Amino acid sequence: MTIEKTIPIIYNAGAYGTYLEWSLSTLTTDIDIVSPLTEEGSSHNYKGTFVTGMEGWSKYIDTNNPAKFVRLHPKNKKEENISNNLEIILSTVDRMIYLYPDQNSVLLNINNAFDKAFKEWYHCPGPGITESAPKKDILKFFEDTVYQNWPVSRDILFNDIPYWIKREFLSLNFMPSWHAQIEWFHPAQWQHPNCLTVFIEDLLHNFKPTMQHLQKFLNLDFKKDIDQLIPYHLEMLKKQINCGQDLLCNQIVNSTIQDVEFGWANSYLPLPSQSWVQWQLRNSGFEIQCHGLDIFPTNSINLKELLYKI
């Protein structure tokens, strides 16, 4: 069965899929513009149409009342292959949007997913466990991994576990899991003439040209001028506290390795970003002497003193 009138928006958690659906839905209808933003900066005040993975998509294509736009994540099970799933979806529609993080929005996406999708640090999946896995499976992985590999009693509540353990746990588990979840960098491996890949950086910082490109590619009839959404877009950008994390963390890693003095005492550096720094240093051949390091260093000199080669 095909549902040519539906345009799927394929994206992973924290990649602004809801915001993109709101933008396109608002532009293609005569309804009044209503901001989708929550206080935290997500677009979850807008419901739209979301289906859960390929199983949800299979049920959706049998619907008697298809929507104009539908959102879904392309990989909800570890054995799934994103390319195969995208091909299956494309066999049922005329056009599709693939929203994906680029090199400048990795940590923006990771922190968004952490803040908006997982809520708690111990809800983050590990290698081989996808974000849609039953919470009991994620928690079992957490318990088996943390309590067996770090000096922490099972009597300690999850949120009371020392910060350095949280950081190290995420650097060893969440970071590789996220890469596996989105098969980084998938757009280099897969393209299709009926699918337009939109990078997060372009959606956020080249909004009008991106909407124009989507309008042309999807042959959309916009009922409103794109400029009418610009004030809402600027308001959304103000609420994205995780913008700038990629630039900051790459500078932290590069300055530390190259012995260049750099400080970040006045910068926002959340737990996922700290974990990414530890993971990236490990990938570069260095481990942090992090036992008891609940307060992360605030300059490259102090961080370098804590490194040892592996």
C-alpha atoms as a PDB file:
ATOM      1  CA  MET A   1       0.000   0.000   0.000  1.00  0.00           C
ATOM      2  CA  THR A   2       1.185   3.550  -0.718  1.00  0.00           C
ATOM      3  CA  ILE A   3       0.260   6.825   0.947  1.00  0.00           C
ATOM      4  CA  GLU A   4       1.675   9.358  -1.490  1.00  0.00           C
ATOM      5  CA  LYS A   5       0.140  12.365   0.254  1.00  0.00           C
ATOM      6  CA  THR A   6       2.072  11.728   3.474  1.00  0.00           C
ATOM      7  CA  ILE A   7       5.557  13.177   3.897  1.00  0.00           C
ATOM      8  CA  PRO A   8       7.547  11.322   6.584  1.00  0.00           C
ATOM      9  CA  ILE A   9      10.059  13.249   8.706  1.00  0.00           C
ATOM     10  CA  ILE A  10      12.758  10.799   9.783  1.00  0.00           C
ATOM     11  CA  TYR A  11      14.917  11.873  12.719  1.00  0.00           C
ATOM     12  CA  ASN A  12      16.525  10.654  15.928  1.00  0.00           C
ATOM     13  CA  ALA A  13      15.722  11.883  19.433  1.00  0.00           C
ATOM     14  CA  GLY A  14      16.780  15.478  20.047  1.00  0.00           C
ATOM     15  CA  ALA A  15      17.161  16.330  16.341  1.00  0.00           C
ATOM     16  CA  TYR A  16      14.267  18.843  16.113  1.00  0.00           C
ATOM     17  CA  GLY A  17      11.845  16.587  14.258  1.00  0.00           C
ATOM     18  CA  THR A  18       8.825  18.005  16.092  1.00  0.00           C
ATOM     19  CA  TYR A  19       9.940  21.551  15.366  1.00  0.00           C
ATOM     20  CA  LEU A  20      10.346  20.771  11.672  1.00  0.00           C
ATOM     21  CA  GLU A  21       6.880  19.214  11.497  1.00  0.00           C
ATOM     22  CA  TRP A  22       5.399  22.254  13.253  1.00  0.00           C
ATOM     23  CA  SER A  23       7.140  24.596  10.803  1.00  0.00           C
ATOM     24  CA  LEU A  24       5.926  22.762   7.702  1.00  0.00           C
ATOM     25  CA  SER A  25       2.439  22.170   9.045  1.00  0.00           C
ATOM     26  CA  THR A  26       2.087  25.833   9.988  1.00  0.00           C
ATOM     27  CA  LEU A  27       3.307  27.028   6.591  1.00  0.00           C
ATOM     28  CA  THR A  28       1.007  24.715   4.633  1.00  0.00           C
ATOM     29  CA  THR A  29      -2.233  25.507   6.487  1.00  0.00           C
ATOM     30  CA  ASP A  30      -4.408  28.565   7.072  1.00  0.00           C
ATOM     31  CA  ILE A  31      -4.474  28.074  10.847  1.00  0.00           C
ATOM     32  CA  ASP A  32      -3.156  30.770  13.172  1.00  0.00           C
ATOM     33  CA  ILE A  33       0.474  30.518  14.196  1.00  0.00           C
ATOM     34  CA  VAL A  34       0.761  29.019  17.681  1.00  0.00           C
ATOM     35  CA  SER A  35       4.223  28.651  19.201  1.00  0.00           C
ATOM     36  CA  PRO A  36       5.169  25.006  19.888  1.00  0.00           C
ATOM     37  CA  LEU A  37       7.767  25.905  22.506  1.00  0.00           C
ATOM     38  CA  THR A  38       7.882  24.669  26.068  1.00  0.00           C
ATOM     39  CA  GLU A  39       9.703  26.567  28.799  1.00  0.00           C
ATOM     40  CA  GLU A  40      12.662  24.189  28.335  1.00  0.00           C
ATOM     41  CA  GLY A  41      12.948  25.013  24.632  1.00  0.00           C
ATOM     42  CA  SER A  42      11.534  21.854  23.082  1.00  0.00           C
ATOM     43  CA  SER A  43       8.622  21.955  20.626  1.00  0.00           C
ATOM     44  CA  HIS A  44       6.615  19.401  22.546  1.00  0.00           C
ATOM     45  CA  ASN A  45       3.647  21.741  23.005  1.00  0.00           C
ATOM     46  CA  TYR A  46       2.926  20.761  19.413  1.00  0.00           C
ATOM     47  CA  LYS A  47       1.579  17.240  19.096  1.00  0.00           C
ATOM     48  CA  GLY A  48       1.586  16.599  15.346  1.00  0.00           C
ATOM     49  CA  THR A  49       1.653  13.007  14.169  1.00  0.00           C
ATOM     50  CA  PHE A  50       4.261  10.660  15.608  1.00  0.00           C
ATOM     51  CA  VAL A  51       4.481   6.902  15.069  1.00  0.00           C
ATOM     52  CA  THR A  52       6.805   4.543  16.907  1.00  0.00           C
ATOM     53  CA  GLY A  53       9.379   3.026  14.594  1.00  0.00           C
ATOM     54  CA  MET A  54       8.753   0.636  11.746  1.00  0.00           C
ATOM     55  CA  GLU A  55       5.980  -1.180  13.564  1.00  0.00           C
ATOM     56  CA  GLY A  56       4.158   2.105  13.995  1.00  0.00           C
ATOM     57  CA  TRP A  57       4.773   2.955  10.348  1.00  0.00           C
ATOM     58  CA  SER A  58       3.318  -0.378   9.194  1.00  0.00           C
ATOM     59  CA  LYS A  59       0.152   0.352  11.154  1.00  0.00           C
ATOM     60  CA  TYR A  60       0.047   3.944   9.939  1.00  0.00           C
ATOM     61  CA  ILE A  61       0.047   3.116   6.219  1.00  0.00           C
ATOM     62  CA  ASP A  62      -3.199   1.224   6.738  1.00  0.00           C
ATOM     63  CA  THR A  63      -4.887   4.299   8.170  1.00  0.00           C
ATOM     64  CA  ASN A  64      -8.015   5.700   6.546  1.00  0.00           C
ATOM     65  CA  ASN A  65      -7.064   9.267   7.389  1.00  0.00           C
ATOM     66  CA  PRO A  66      -3.391   9.857   6.537  1.00  0.00           C
ATOM     67  CA  ALA A  67      -1.739  13.043   7.770  1.00  0.00           C
ATOM     68  CA  LYS A  68       0.257  15.461   5.641  1.00  0.00           C
ATOM     69  CA  PHE A  69       3.370  15.025   7.792  1.00  0.00           C
ATOM     70  CA  VAL A  70       4.378  12.118  10.043  1.00  0.00           C
ATOM     71  CA  ARG A  71       7.412  11.826  12.330  1.00  0.00           C
ATOM     72  CA  LEU A  72       9.293   8.668  13.259  1.00  0.00           C
ATOM     73  CA  HIS A  73      12.706   7.438  14.383  1.00  0.00           C
ATOM     74  CA  PRO A  74      14.419   5.218  11.806  1.00  0.00           C
ATOM     75  CA  LYS A  75      15.966   2.687  14.188  1.00  0.00           C
ATOM     76  CA  ASN A  76      14.269   1.395  17.319  1.00  0.00           C
ATOM     77  CA  LYS A  77      15.874  -2.040  17.548  1.00  0.00           C
ATOM     78  CA  LYS A  78      19.582  -2.880  17.629  1.00  0.00           C
ATOM     79  CA  GLU A  79      19.234  -5.444  14.819  1.00  0.00           C
ATOM     80  CA  GLU A  80      17.615  -2.906  12.495  1.00  0.00           C
ATOM     81  CA  ASN A  81      19.450  -1.234   9.638  1.00  0.00           C
ATOM     82  CA  ILE A  82      18.635   2.406   8.906  1.00  0.00           C
ATOM     83  CA  SER A  83      19.196   2.135   5.151  1.00  0.00           C
ATOM     84  CA  ASN A  84      16.822  -0.819   4.893  1.00  0.00           C
ATOM     85  CA  ASN A  85      14.169   0.968   6.944  1.00  0.00           C
ATOM     86  CA  LEU A  86      14.421   4.130   4.867  1.00  0.00           C
ATOM     87  CA  GLU A  87      14.046   2.129   1.674  1.00  0.00           C
ATOM     88  CA  ILE A  88      10.937   0.448   3.088  1.00  0.00           C
ATOM     89  CA  ILE A  89       9.400   3.802   3.983  1.00  0.00           C
ATOM     90  CA  LEU A  90      10.244   5.261   0.578  1.00  0.00           C
ATOM     91  CA  SER A  91       8.489   2.367  -1.141  1.00  0.00           C
ATOM     92  CA  THR A  92       5.217   3.688   0.304  1.00  0.00           C
ATOM     93  CA  VAL A  93       5.556   7.463  -0.258  1.00  0.00           C
ATOM     94  CA  ASP A  94       6.577   9.925  -2.971  1.00  0.00           C
ATOM     95  CA  ARG A  95       8.955  12.084  -0.946  1.00  0.00           C
ATOM     96  CA  MET A  96      10.654  11.979   2.444  1.00  0.00           C
ATOM     97  CA  ILE A  97      12.709  14.227   4.759  1.00  0.00           C
ATOM     98  CA  TYR A  98      15.741  12.857   6.606  1.00  0.00           C
ATOM     99  CA  LEU A  99      16.722  15.181   9.458  1.00  0.00           C
ATOM    100  CA  TYR A 100      20.211  14.398  10.733  1.00  0.00           C
ATOM    101  CA  PRO A 101      22.981  15.910  12.900  1.00  0.00           C
ATOM    102  CA  ASP A 102      26.011  17.281  11.101  1.00  0.00           C
ATOM    103  CA  GLN A 103      29.570  17.612  12.350  1.00  0.00           C
ATOM    104  CA  ASN A 104      28.708  20.883  14.125  1.00  0.00           C
ATOM    105  CA  SER A 105      25.634  19.605  15.962  1.00  0.00           C
ATOM    106  CA  VAL A 106      26.687  16.264  17.473  1.00  0.00           C
ATOM    107  CA  LEU A 107      26.770  17.493  21.060  1.00  0.00           C
ATOM    108  CA  LEU A 108      23.763  19.703  20.493  1.00  0.00           C
ATOM    109  CA  ASN A 109      21.844  16.585  19.487  1.00  0.00           C
ATOM    110  CA  ILE A 110      23.301  14.430  22.282  1.00  0.00           C
ATOM    111  CA  ASN A 111      22.501  16.980  24.981  1.00  0.00           C
ATOM    112  CA  ASN A 112      19.015  17.525  23.555  1.00  0.00           C
ATOM    113  CA  ALA A 113      18.345  13.801  23.665  1.00  0.00           C
ATOM    114  CA  PHE A 114      19.657  13.619  27.214  1.00  0.00           C
ATOM    115  CA  ASP A 115      17.534  16.569  28.382  1.00  0.00           C
ATOM    116  CA  LYS A 116      14.346  15.946  26.440  1.00  0.00           C
ATOM    117  CA  ALA A 117      14.167  12.215  25.795  1.00  0.00           C
ATOM    118  CA  PHE A 118      15.914  10.421  28.651  1.00  0.00           C
ATOM    119  CA  LYS A 119      15.385  12.827  31.566  1.00  0.00           C
ATOM    120  CA  GLU A 120      17.584  10.812  33.954  1.00  0.00           C
ATOM    121  CA  TRP A 121      21.224   9.867  33.352  1.00  0.00           C
ATOM    122  CA  TYR A 122      20.528   6.207  34.091  1.00  0.00           C
ATOM    123  CA  HIS A 123      17.833   6.078  31.396  1.00  0.00           C
ATOM    124  CA  CYS A 124      20.453   6.495  28.670  1.00  0.00           C
ATOM    125  CA  PRO A 125      20.894   3.295  26.654  1.00  0.00           C
ATOM    126  CA  GLY A 126      24.170   1.442  26.399  1.00  0.00           C
ATOM    127  CA  PRO A 127      25.805  -0.367  23.456  1.00  0.00           C
ATOM    128  CA  GLY A 128      23.345  -2.682  21.738  1.00  0.00           C
ATOM    129  CA  ILE A 129      20.391  -1.140  23.588  1.00  0.00           C
ATOM    130  CA  THR A 130      18.304   1.393  21.686  1.00  0.00           C
ATOM    131  CA  GLU A 131      16.427   4.330  23.181  1.00  0.00           C
ATOM    132  CA  SER A 132      13.078   2.587  22.669  1.00  0.00           C
ATOM    133  CA  ALA A 133      14.116  -0.522  24.613  1.00  0.00           C
ATOM    134  CA  PRO A 134      11.914  -1.307  27.610  1.00  0.00           C
ATOM    135  CA  LYS A 135      12.989   0.758  30.603  1.00  0.00           C
ATOM    136  CA  LYS A 136      13.475  -2.437  32.595  1.00  0.00           C
ATOM    137  CA  ASP A 137      16.124  -3.575  30.087  1.00  0.00           C
ATOM    138  CA  ILE A 138      17.916  -0.215  30.228  1.00  0.00           C
ATOM    139  CA  LEU A 139      17.819  -0.184  34.032  1.00  0.00           C
ATOM    140  CA  LYS A 140      19.051  -3.780  34.224  1.00  0.00           C
ATOM    141  CA  PHE A 141      21.982  -2.876  31.987  1.00  0.00           C
ATOM    142  CA  PHE A 142      22.645   0.143  34.199  1.00  0.00           C
ATOM    143  CA  GLU A 143      22.536  -1.859  37.431  1.00  0.00           C
ATOM    144  CA  ASP A 144      24.647  -4.734  36.092  1.00  0.00           C
ATOM    145  CA  THR A 145      27.239  -2.333  34.679  1.00  0.00           C
ATOM    146  CA  VAL A 146      27.530   0.293  37.415  1.00  0.00           C
ATOM    147  CA  TYR A 147      27.260  -1.805  40.538  1.00  0.00           C
ATOM    148  CA  GLN A 148      29.663  -4.440  39.215  1.00  0.00           C
ATOM    149  CA  ASN A 149      32.302  -2.107  37.795  1.00  0.00           C
ATOM    150  CA  TRP A 150      32.449   0.910  40.109  1.00  0.00           C
ATOM    151  CA  PRO A 151      32.971   1.204  43.873  1.00  0.00           C
ATOM    152  CA  VAL A 152      29.360   1.989  44.731  1.00  0.00           C
ATOM    153  CA  SER A 153      26.933   0.159  46.989  1.00  0.00           C
ATOM    154  CA  ARG A 154      23.606  -1.096  45.670  1.00  0.00           C
ATOM    155  CA  ASP A 155      22.053   0.720  48.602  1.00  0.00           C
ATOM    156  CA  ILE A 156      22.871   4.087  47.019  1.00  0.00           C
ATOM    157  CA  LEU A 157      20.051   5.622  44.985  1.00  0.00           C
ATOM    158  CA  PHE A 158      20.716   6.122  41.270  1.00  0.00           C
ATOM    159  CA  ASN A 159      20.765   9.923  41.492  1.00  0.00           C
ATOM    160  CA  ASP A 160      23.055   9.834  44.547  1.00  0.00           C
ATOM    161  CA  ILE A 161      25.795   7.948  42.726  1.00  0.00           C
ATOM    162  CA  PRO A 162      28.949  10.133  42.593  1.00  0.00           C
ATOM    163  CA  TYR A 163      29.192  12.490  39.636  1.00  0.00           C
ATOM    164  CA  TRP A 164      32.500  11.070  38.418  1.00  0.00           C
ATOM    165  CA  ILE A 165      30.905   7.639  38.049  1.00  0.00           C
ATOM    166  CA  LYS A 166      27.992   9.103  36.087  1.00  0.00           C
ATOM    167  CA  ARG A 167      30.441  10.841  33.759  1.00  0.00           C
ATOM    168  CA  GLU A 168      32.615   7.780  33.221  1.00  0.00           C
ATOM    169  CA  PHE A 169      29.630   5.468  32.780  1.00  0.00           C
ATOM    170  CA  LEU A 170      28.177   7.686  30.054  1.00  0.00           C
ATOM    171  CA  SER A 171      31.560   8.082  28.338  1.00  0.00           C
ATOM    172  CA  LEU A 172      31.910   4.299  28.112  1.00  0.00           C
ATOM    173  CA  ASN A 173      28.318   3.450  27.240  1.00  0.00           C
ATOM    174  CA  PHE A 174      26.072   6.275  26.075  1.00  0.00           C
ATOM    175  CA  MET A 175      28.518   7.788  23.569  1.00  0.00           C
ATOM    176  CA  PRO A 176      29.120   4.596  21.529  1.00  0.00           C
ATOM    177  CA  SER A 177      25.439   3.719  21.886  1.00  0.00           C
ATOM    178  CA  TRP A 178      24.392   7.043  20.350  1.00  0.00           C
ATOM    179  CA  HIS A 179      26.754   6.534  17.424  1.00  0.00           C
ATOM    180  CA  ALA A 180      25.373   3.044  16.840  1.00  0.00           C
ATOM    181  CA  GLN A 181      21.786   4.274  17.157  1.00  0.00           C
ATOM    182  CA  ILE A 182      22.125   6.775  14.316  1.00  0.00           C
ATOM    183  CA  GLU A 183      24.829   4.791  12.435  1.00  0.00           C
ATOM    184  CA  TRP A 184      27.065   7.849  12.355  1.00  0.00           C
ATOM    185  CA  PHE A 185      27.625   9.323   9.716  1.00  0.00           C
ATOM    186  CA  HIS A 186      24.800   7.666   7.813  1.00  0.00           C
ATOM    187  CA  PRO A 187      24.199  10.264   5.040  1.00  0.00           C
ATOM    188  CA  ALA A 188      27.663   9.456   3.693  1.00  0.00           C
ATOM    189  CA  GLN A 189      26.521   5.878   3.133  1.00  0.00           C
ATOM    190  CA  TRP A 190      22.978   6.362   1.890  1.00  0.00           C
ATOM    191  CA  GLN A 191      21.191   8.810  -0.397  1.00  0.00           C
ATOM    192  CA  HIS A 192      18.025   8.610  -2.466  1.00  0.00           C
ATOM    193  CA  PRO A 193      16.652  10.996  -5.112  1.00  0.00           C
ATOM    194  CA  ASN A 194      13.248  11.064  -3.391  1.00  0.00           C
ATOM    195  CA  CYS A 195      14.685  11.855   0.036  1.00  0.00           C
ATOM    196  CA  LEU A 196      16.000  15.245   1.087  1.00  0.00           C
ATOM    197  CA  THR A 197      18.583  15.170   3.873  1.00  0.00           C
ATOM    198  CA  VAL A 198      18.332  18.228   6.112  1.00  0.00           C
ATOM    199  CA  PHE A 199      21.097  18.837   8.620  1.00  0.00           C
ATOM    200  CA  ILE A 200      20.338  20.294  12.046  1.00  0.00           C
ATOM    201  CA  GLU A 201      22.765  23.175  11.436  1.00  0.00           C
ATOM    202  CA  ASP A 202      20.814  24.248   8.349  1.00  0.00           C
ATOM    203  CA  LEU A 203      17.419  23.935  10.005  1.00  0.00           C
ATOM    204  CA  LEU A 204      18.548  26.125  12.890  1.00  0.00           C
ATOM    205  CA  HIS A 205      20.865  28.640  11.243  1.00  0.00           C
ATOM    206  CA  ASN A 206      19.711  28.698   7.607  1.00  0.00           C
ATOM    207  CA  PHE A 207      16.018  28.456   8.353  1.00  0.00           C
ATOM    208  CA  LYS A 208      14.476  30.403   5.472  1.00  0.00           C
ATOM    209  CA  PRO A 209      16.629  28.870   2.683  1.00  0.00           C
ATOM    210  CA  THR A 210      15.994  25.417   4.185  1.00  0.00           C
ATOM    211  CA  MET A 211      12.221  25.973   4.159  1.00  0.00           C
ATOM    212  CA  GLN A 212      12.441  27.220   0.569  1.00  0.00           C
ATOM    213  CA  HIS A 213      14.413  24.130  -0.415  1.00  0.00           C
ATOM    214  CA  LEU A 214      11.862  21.869   1.250  1.00  0.00           C
ATOM    215  CA  GLN A 215       8.998  23.705  -0.426  1.00  0.00           C
ATOM    216  CA  LYS A 216      10.516  23.163  -3.856  1.00  0.00           C
ATOM    217  CA  PHE A 217      11.635  19.562  -3.293  1.00  0.00           C
ATOM    218  CA  LEU A 218       8.311  18.484  -1.786  1.00  0.00           C
ATOM    219  CA  ASN A 219       6.185  20.643  -4.100  1.00  0.00           C
ATOM    220  CA  LEU A 220       4.426  22.208  -1.111  1.00  0.00           C
ATOM    221  CA  ASP A 221       1.820  24.920  -1.283  1.00  0.00           C
ATOM    222  CA  PHE A 222       2.766  27.395   1.433  1.00  0.00           C
ATOM    223  CA  LYS A 223      -0.224  29.366   2.732  1.00  0.00           C
ATOM    224  CA  LYS A 224       1.994  31.731   4.704  1.00  0.00           C
ATOM    225  CA  ASP A 225       5.164  33.626   4.008  1.00  0.00           C
ATOM    226  CA  ILE A 226       8.194  32.028   5.678  1.00  0.00           C
ATOM    227  CA  ASP A 227       9.040  35.414   7.187  1.00  0.00           C
ATOM    228  CA  GLN A 228       5.988  35.081   9.429  1.00  0.00           C
ATOM    229  CA  LEU A 229       7.750  32.241  11.265  1.00  0.00           C
ATOM    230  CA  ILE A 230      11.056  34.081  11.732  1.00  0.00           C
ATOM    231  CA  PRO A 231      10.131  35.699  15.102  1.00  0.00           C
ATOM    232  CA  TYR A 232       9.099  32.269  16.424  1.00  0.00           C
ATOM    233  CA  HIS A 233      12.297  30.752  15.086  1.00  0.00           C
ATOM    234  CA  LEU A 234      14.443  33.386  16.779  1.00  0.00           C
ATOM    235  CA  GLU A 235      12.612  32.760  20.037  1.00  0.00           C
ATOM    236  CA  MET A 236      13.268  29.036  19.668  1.00  0.00           C
ATOM    237  CA  LEU A 237      16.987  29.649  19.095  1.00  0.00           C
ATOM    238  CA  LYS A 238      17.205  31.710  22.291  1.00  0.00           C
ATOM    239  CA  LYS A 239      16.009  28.697  24.260  1.00  0.00           C
ATOM    240  CA  GLN A 240      18.575  26.250  22.834  1.00  0.00           C
ATOM    241  CA  ILE A 241      20.998  26.190  25.747  1.00  0.00           C
ATOM    242  CA  ASN A 242      22.980  23.364  24.151  1.00  0.00           C
ATOM    243  CA  CYS A 243      24.005  25.385  21.105  1.00  0.00           C
ATOM    244  CA  GLY A 244      27.746  25.958  21.209  1.00  0.00           C
ATOM    245  CA  GLN A 245      28.591  22.689  22.968  1.00  0.00           C
ATOM    246  CA  ASP A 246      30.284  21.241  19.860  1.00  0.00           C
ATOM    247  CA  LEU A 247      32.589  24.223  19.412  1.00  0.00           C
ATOM    248  CA  LEU A 248      33.398  24.378  23.125  1.00  0.00           C
ATOM    249  CA  CYS A 249      34.081  20.682  23.651  1.00  0.00           C
ATOM    250  CA  ASN A 250      36.181  20.295  20.527  1.00  0.00           C
ATOM    251  CA  GLN A 251      38.268  23.231  21.701  1.00  0.00           C
ATOM    252  CA  ILE A 252      38.631  21.620  25.135  1.00  0.00           C
ATOM    253  CA  VAL A 253      39.865  18.348  23.647  1.00  0.00           C
ATOM    254  CA  ASN A 254      42.182  19.927  21.073  1.00  0.00           C
ATOM    255  CA  SER A 255      43.667  22.447  23.527  1.00  0.00           C
ATOM    256  CA  THR A 256      44.285  19.748  26.136  1.00  0.00           C
ATOM    257  CA  ILE A 257      46.011  17.377  23.745  1.00  0.00           C
ATOM    258  CA  GLN A 258      48.082  20.142  22.108  1.00  0.00           C
ATOM    259  CA  ASP A 259      49.114  21.780  25.418  1.00  0.00           C
ATOM    260  CA  VAL A 260      47.406  25.039  24.503  1.00  0.00           C
ATOM    261  CA  GLU A 261      46.037  26.967  27.470  1.00  0.00           C
ATOM    262  CA  PHE A 262      42.263  27.332  27.322  1.00  0.00           C
ATOM    263  CA  GLY A 263      39.759  27.956  30.093  1.00  0.00           C
ATOM    264  CA  TRP A 264      36.025  27.322  30.285  1.00  0.00           C
ATOM    265  CA  ALA A 265      35.175  28.262  33.886  1.00  0.00           C
ATOM    266  CA  ASN A 266      32.355  30.560  32.791  1.00  0.00           C
ATOM    267  CA  SER A 267      30.955  28.182  30.162  1.00  0.00           C
ATOM    268  CA  TYR A 268      28.042  25.790  30.446  1.00  0.00           C
ATOM    269  CA  LEU A 269      29.402  22.227  30.372  1.00  0.00           C
ATOM    270  CA  PRO A 270      26.659  19.681  31.179  1.00  0.00           C
ATOM    271  CA  LEU A 271      27.208  16.036  32.082  1.00  0.00           C
ATOM    272  CA  PRO A 272      26.835  14.641  28.526  1.00  0.00           C
ATOM    273  CA  SER A 273      29.406  17.135  27.248  1.00  0.00           C
ATOM    274  CA  GLN A 274      31.860  16.216  29.998  1.00  0.00           C
ATOM    275  CA  SER A 275      31.314  12.562  29.122  1.00  0.00           C
ATOM    276  CA  TRP A 276      31.917  13.266  25.452  1.00  0.00           C
ATOM    277  CA  VAL A 277      35.213  15.015  26.309  1.00  0.00           C
ATOM    278  CA  GLN A 278      36.305  11.980  28.316  1.00  0.00           C
ATOM    279  CA  TRP A 279      35.229   9.644  25.489  1.00  0.00           C
ATOM    280  CA  GLN A 280      37.005  11.706  22.824  1.00  0.00           C
ATOM    281  CA  LEU A 281      40.203  11.879  24.865  1.00  0.00           C
ATOM    282  CA  ARG A 282      40.029   8.099  25.212  1.00  0.00           C
ATOM    283  CA  ASN A 283      39.673   7.821  21.434  1.00  0.00           C
ATOM    284  CA  SER A 284      42.826   9.918  21.148  1.00  0.00           C
ATOM    285  CA  GLY A 285      44.782   7.580  23.421  1.00  0.00           C
ATOM    286  CA  PHE A 286      44.330   9.250  26.803  1.00  0.00           C
ATOM    287  CA  GLU A 287      42.359   8.346  29.902  1.00  0.00           C
ATOM    288  CA  ILE A 288      41.461  10.690  32.746  1.00  0.00           C
ATOM    289  CA  GLN A 289      42.451   9.907  36.327  1.00  0.00           C
ATOM    290  CA  CYS A 290      38.851  10.439  37.278  1.00  0.00           C
ATOM    291  CA  HIS A 291      38.347   8.463  40.484  1.00  0.00           C
ATOM    292  CA  GLY A 292      36.687  10.946  42.845  1.00  0.00           C
ATOM    293  CA  LEU A 293      36.791  13.709  40.226  1.00  0.00           C
ATOM    294  CA  ASP A 294      33.292  15.017  40.850  1.00  0.00           C
ATOM    295  CA  ILE A 295      34.230  18.558  39.819  1.00  0.00           C
ATOM    296  CA  PHE A 296      35.510  18.612  36.250  1.00  0.00           C
ATOM    297  CA  PRO A 297      38.594  20.802  35.533  1.00  0.00           C
ATOM    298  CA  THR A 298      37.912  24.246  34.088  1.00  0.00           C
ATOM    299  CA  ASN A 299      41.074  24.700  32.019  1.00  0.00           C
ATOM    300  CA  SER A 300      43.178  22.613  29.656  1.00  0.00           C
ATOM    301  CA  ILE A 301      46.324  22.754  31.825  1.00  0.00           C
ATOM    302  CA  ASN A 302      44.628  21.139  34.823  1.00  0.00           C
ATOM    303  CA  LEU A 303      42.876  18.602  32.620  1.00  0.00           C
ATOM    304  CA  LYS A 304      46.140  17.645  30.907  1.00  0.00           C
ATOM    305  CA  GLU A 305      47.721  16.955  34.311  1.00  0.00           C
ATOM    306  CA  LEU A 306      45.058  14.317  34.906  1.00  0.00           C
ATOM    307  CA  LEU A 307      45.672  12.413  31.676  1.00  0.00           C
ATOM    308  CA  TYR A 308      47.662   9.250  31.175  1.00  0.00           C
ATOM    309  CA  LYS A 309      48.314   7.350  27.966  1.00  0.00           C
ATOM    310  CA  ILE A 310      46.466   4.111  27.273  1.00  0.00           C
END
